[in-house]
Amino acid sequence: MDKDVNKYLESVPESRKPHMQKLHSAIIESFPEAIVDMKYRMPTYQVGEGWVAIANQKNYVSLYTCSSEHLSDFKTKYPAIKTGKGCINFRECDNVPVTGVKKVIRKAMLNPKN
């Protein structure tokens, strides 16, 4: 893994590290062959044209995908978790539903256009 990615993950506040670790692990477990590097100043994981990224934001930890279509099932199943157009925003009080997150990751990696 890219040394800058390790540095980024280590710099996350302690209260958010569990969420970042769950997201990172879910991505690596689902796609161990993913190329991991820093793009747009956040850890980005890419397989072919598909990608996801994770970031520590001001009020939450985010999982970014390349399309809002990847989130439709997640939004229905987990309406209490805040989502944006192409991202999921986990607050510290949210549980990270790893199974649901892995489905989003698979959709984003395998179907980047939709």
C-alpha atoms as a PDB file:
ATOM      1  CA  MET A   1       0.000   0.000   0.000  1.00  0.00           C
ATOM      2  CA  ASP A   2       1.112   3.536  -0.745  1.00  0.00           C
ATOM      3  CA  LYS A   3       3.035   5.128   2.159  1.00  0.00           C
ATOM      4  CA  ASP A   4       0.934   8.295   1.861  1.00  0.00           C
ATOM      5  CA  VAL A   5      -2.223   6.195   2.342  1.00  0.00           C
ATOM      6  CA  ASN A   6      -0.756   4.698   5.523  1.00  0.00           C
ATOM      7  CA  LYS A   7       0.162   8.176   6.726  1.00  0.00           C
ATOM      8  CA  TYR A   8      -3.380   9.412   6.018  1.00  0.00           C
ATOM      9  CA  LEU A   9      -5.000   6.494   7.864  1.00  0.00           C
ATOM     10  CA  GLU A  10      -2.674   6.964  10.838  1.00  0.00           C
ATOM     11  CA  SER A  11      -3.537  10.678  11.028  1.00  0.00           C
ATOM     12  CA  VAL A  12      -7.274  10.091  11.475  1.00  0.00           C
ATOM     13  CA  PRO A  13      -8.524  11.044  14.982  1.00  0.00           C
ATOM     14  CA  GLU A  14      -8.790   8.066  17.349  1.00  0.00           C
ATOM     15  CA  SER A  15     -12.571   8.401  17.573  1.00  0.00           C
ATOM     16  CA  ARG A  16     -12.880   7.844  13.810  1.00  0.00           C
ATOM     17  CA  LYS A  17     -10.249   5.173  13.285  1.00  0.00           C
ATOM     18  CA  PRO A  18     -12.705   2.289  13.814  1.00  0.00           C
ATOM     19  CA  HIS A  19     -14.907   3.538  10.953  1.00  0.00           C
ATOM     20  CA  MET A  20     -11.931   4.151   8.660  1.00  0.00           C
ATOM     21  CA  GLN A  21     -10.515   0.704   9.459  1.00  0.00           C
ATOM     22  CA  LYS A  22     -13.858  -1.000   8.788  1.00  0.00           C
ATOM     23  CA  LEU A  23     -14.188   0.751   5.428  1.00  0.00           C
ATOM     24  CA  HIS A  24     -10.570   0.079   4.447  1.00  0.00           C
ATOM     25  CA  SER A  25     -10.854  -3.584   5.459  1.00  0.00           C
ATOM     26  CA  ALA A  26     -14.162  -4.031   3.619  1.00  0.00           C
ATOM     27  CA  ILE A  27     -12.586  -2.709   0.421  1.00  0.00           C
ATOM     28  CA  ILE A  28      -9.392  -4.784   0.703  1.00  0.00           C
ATOM     29  CA  GLU A  29     -11.316  -7.956   1.640  1.00  0.00           C
ATOM     30  CA  SER A  30     -13.617  -7.482  -1.357  1.00  0.00           C
ATOM     31  CA  PHE A  31     -10.869  -6.477  -3.806  1.00  0.00           C
ATOM     32  CA  PRO A  32      -7.386  -7.481  -2.602  1.00  0.00           C
ATOM     33  CA  GLU A  33      -6.060  -6.704  -6.084  1.00  0.00           C
ATOM     34  CA  ALA A  34      -7.166  -3.056  -5.890  1.00  0.00           C
ATOM     35  CA  ILE A  35      -4.572  -0.396  -6.598  1.00  0.00           C
ATOM     36  CA  VAL A  36      -4.446   1.771  -3.482  1.00  0.00           C
ATOM     37  CA  ASP A  37      -3.111   5.305  -3.680  1.00  0.00           C
ATOM     38  CA  MET A  38      -3.892   8.919  -2.886  1.00  0.00           C
ATOM     39  CA  LYS A  39      -6.143  10.711  -5.369  1.00  0.00           C
ATOM     40  CA  TYR A  40      -8.001  13.908  -4.603  1.00  0.00           C
ATOM     41  CA  ARG A  41      -6.115  13.932  -1.250  1.00  0.00           C
ATOM     42  CA  MET A  42      -7.860  10.781   0.018  1.00  0.00           C
ATOM     43  CA  PRO A  43      -7.165   7.030  -0.078  1.00  0.00           C
ATOM     44  CA  THR A  44      -8.543   5.686  -3.342  1.00  0.00           C
ATOM     45  CA  TYR A  45      -8.979   2.045  -4.354  1.00  0.00           C
ATOM     46  CA  GLN A  46      -9.207   1.176  -8.043  1.00  0.00           C
ATOM     47  CA  VAL A  47      -9.908  -1.940 -10.072  1.00  0.00           C
ATOM     48  CA  GLY A  48     -10.007  -1.269 -13.810  1.00  0.00           C
ATOM     49  CA  GLU A  49     -12.289   1.734 -14.299  1.00  0.00           C
ATOM     50  CA  GLY A  50     -14.110   1.185 -11.007  1.00  0.00           C
ATOM     51  CA  TRP A  51     -13.081   2.969  -7.844  1.00  0.00           C
ATOM     52  CA  VAL A  52     -14.072   3.913  -4.318  1.00  0.00           C
ATOM     53  CA  ALA A  53     -12.404   6.298  -1.879  1.00  0.00           C
ATOM     54  CA  ILE A  54     -12.558   6.976   1.847  1.00  0.00           C
ATOM     55  CA  ALA A  55     -12.028  10.263   3.648  1.00  0.00           C
ATOM     56  CA  ASN A  56     -12.086  11.813   7.070  1.00  0.00           C
ATOM     57  CA  GLN A  57     -14.331  14.873   6.780  1.00  0.00           C
ATOM     58  CA  LYS A  58     -15.250  17.556   9.301  1.00  0.00           C
ATOM     59  CA  ASN A  59     -18.288  15.763  10.763  1.00  0.00           C
ATOM     60  CA  TYR A  60     -18.051  12.215   9.452  1.00  0.00           C
ATOM     61  CA  VAL A  61     -16.082   9.538   7.615  1.00  0.00           C
ATOM     62  CA  SER A  62     -17.130   9.134   3.980  1.00  0.00           C
ATOM     63  CA  LEU A  63     -17.134   6.333   1.433  1.00  0.00           C
ATOM     64  CA  TYR A  64     -17.171   7.790  -2.088  1.00  0.00           C
ATOM     65  CA  THR A  65     -18.234   5.942  -5.227  1.00  0.00           C
ATOM     66  CA  CYS A  66     -18.245   6.929  -8.868  1.00  0.00           C
ATOM     67  CA  SER A  67     -22.064   7.038  -9.187  1.00  0.00           C
ATOM     68  CA  SER A  68     -25.189   7.612  -7.120  1.00  0.00           C
ATOM     69  CA  GLU A  69     -26.633   4.439  -8.669  1.00  0.00           C
ATOM     70  CA  HIS A  70     -24.330   2.383  -6.449  1.00  0.00           C
ATOM     71  CA  LEU A  71     -26.095   3.684  -3.335  1.00  0.00           C
ATOM     72  CA  SER A  72     -29.774   3.086  -4.134  1.00  0.00           C
ATOM     73  CA  ASP A  73     -30.135  -0.236  -2.268  1.00  0.00           C
ATOM     74  CA  PHE A  74     -28.036   1.036   0.638  1.00  0.00           C
ATOM     75  CA  LYS A  75     -30.208   4.146   1.028  1.00  0.00           C
ATOM     76  CA  THR A  76     -33.340   1.997   1.165  1.00  0.00           C
ATOM     77  CA  LYS A  77     -31.941  -0.484   3.665  1.00  0.00           C
ATOM     78  CA  TYR A  78     -30.164   2.071   5.922  1.00  0.00           C
ATOM     79  CA  PRO A  79     -32.223   5.290   5.756  1.00  0.00           C
ATOM     80  CA  ALA A  80     -30.800   6.638   9.044  1.00  0.00           C
ATOM     81  CA  ILE A  81     -27.267   6.823   7.585  1.00  0.00           C
ATOM     82  CA  LYS A  82     -26.626  10.079   5.734  1.00  0.00           C
ATOM     83  CA  THR A  83     -25.836   9.791   2.036  1.00  0.00           C
ATOM     84  CA  GLY A  84     -24.934  12.270  -0.668  1.00  0.00           C
ATOM     85  CA  LYS A  85     -25.087  11.965  -4.446  1.00  0.00           C
ATOM     86  CA  GLY A  86     -22.262   9.452  -4.638  1.00  0.00           C
ATOM     87  CA  CYS A  87     -21.184   8.990  -1.033  1.00  0.00           C
ATOM     88  CA  ILE A  88     -22.118   7.586   2.350  1.00  0.00           C
ATOM     89  CA  ASN A  89     -21.312   9.738   5.377  1.00  0.00           C
ATOM     90  CA  PHE A  90     -20.796   7.820   8.616  1.00  0.00           C
ATOM     91  CA  ARG A  91     -21.060   9.858  11.798  1.00  0.00           C
ATOM     92  CA  GLU A  92     -19.229   8.603  14.872  1.00  0.00           C
ATOM     93  CA  CYS A  93     -22.551   7.427  16.354  1.00  0.00           C
ATOM     94  CA  ASP A  94     -23.420   5.347  13.246  1.00  0.00           C
ATOM     95  CA  ASN A  95     -22.661   1.672  13.010  1.00  0.00           C
ATOM     96  CA  VAL A  96     -20.934   0.725   9.761  1.00  0.00           C
ATOM     97  CA  PRO A  97     -23.047  -2.054   8.214  1.00  0.00           C
ATOM     98  CA  VAL A  98     -20.174  -3.980   6.645  1.00  0.00           C
ATOM     99  CA  THR A  99     -22.392  -6.262   4.547  1.00  0.00           C
ATOM    100  CA  GLY A 100     -24.233  -3.284   3.042  1.00  0.00           C
ATOM    101  CA  VAL A 101     -20.979  -1.397   2.493  1.00  0.00           C
ATOM    102  CA  LYS A 102     -19.442  -4.375   0.689  1.00  0.00           C
ATOM    103  CA  LYS A 103     -22.422  -4.454  -1.703  1.00  0.00           C
ATOM    104  CA  VAL A 104     -21.872  -0.771  -2.513  1.00  0.00           C
ATOM    105  CA  ILE A 105     -18.146  -1.400  -3.030  1.00  0.00           C
ATOM    106  CA  ARG A 106     -18.799  -4.335  -5.374  1.00  0.00           C
ATOM    107  CA  LYS A 107     -21.260  -2.301  -7.448  1.00  0.00           C
ATOM    108  CA  ALA A 108     -18.835   0.614  -7.726  1.00  0.00           C
ATOM    109  CA  MET A 109     -15.840  -1.538  -8.627  1.00  0.00           C
ATOM    110  CA  LEU A 110     -17.594  -3.850 -11.090  1.00  0.00           C
ATOM    111  CA  ASN A 111     -20.081  -1.410 -12.676  1.00  0.00           C
ATOM    112  CA  PRO A 112     -18.403   2.015 -12.643  1.00  0.00           C
ATOM    113  CA  LYS A 113     -20.662   3.512 -15.310  1.00  0.00           C
ATOM    114  CA  ASN A 114     -23.886   2.922 -13.323  1.00  0.00           C
END
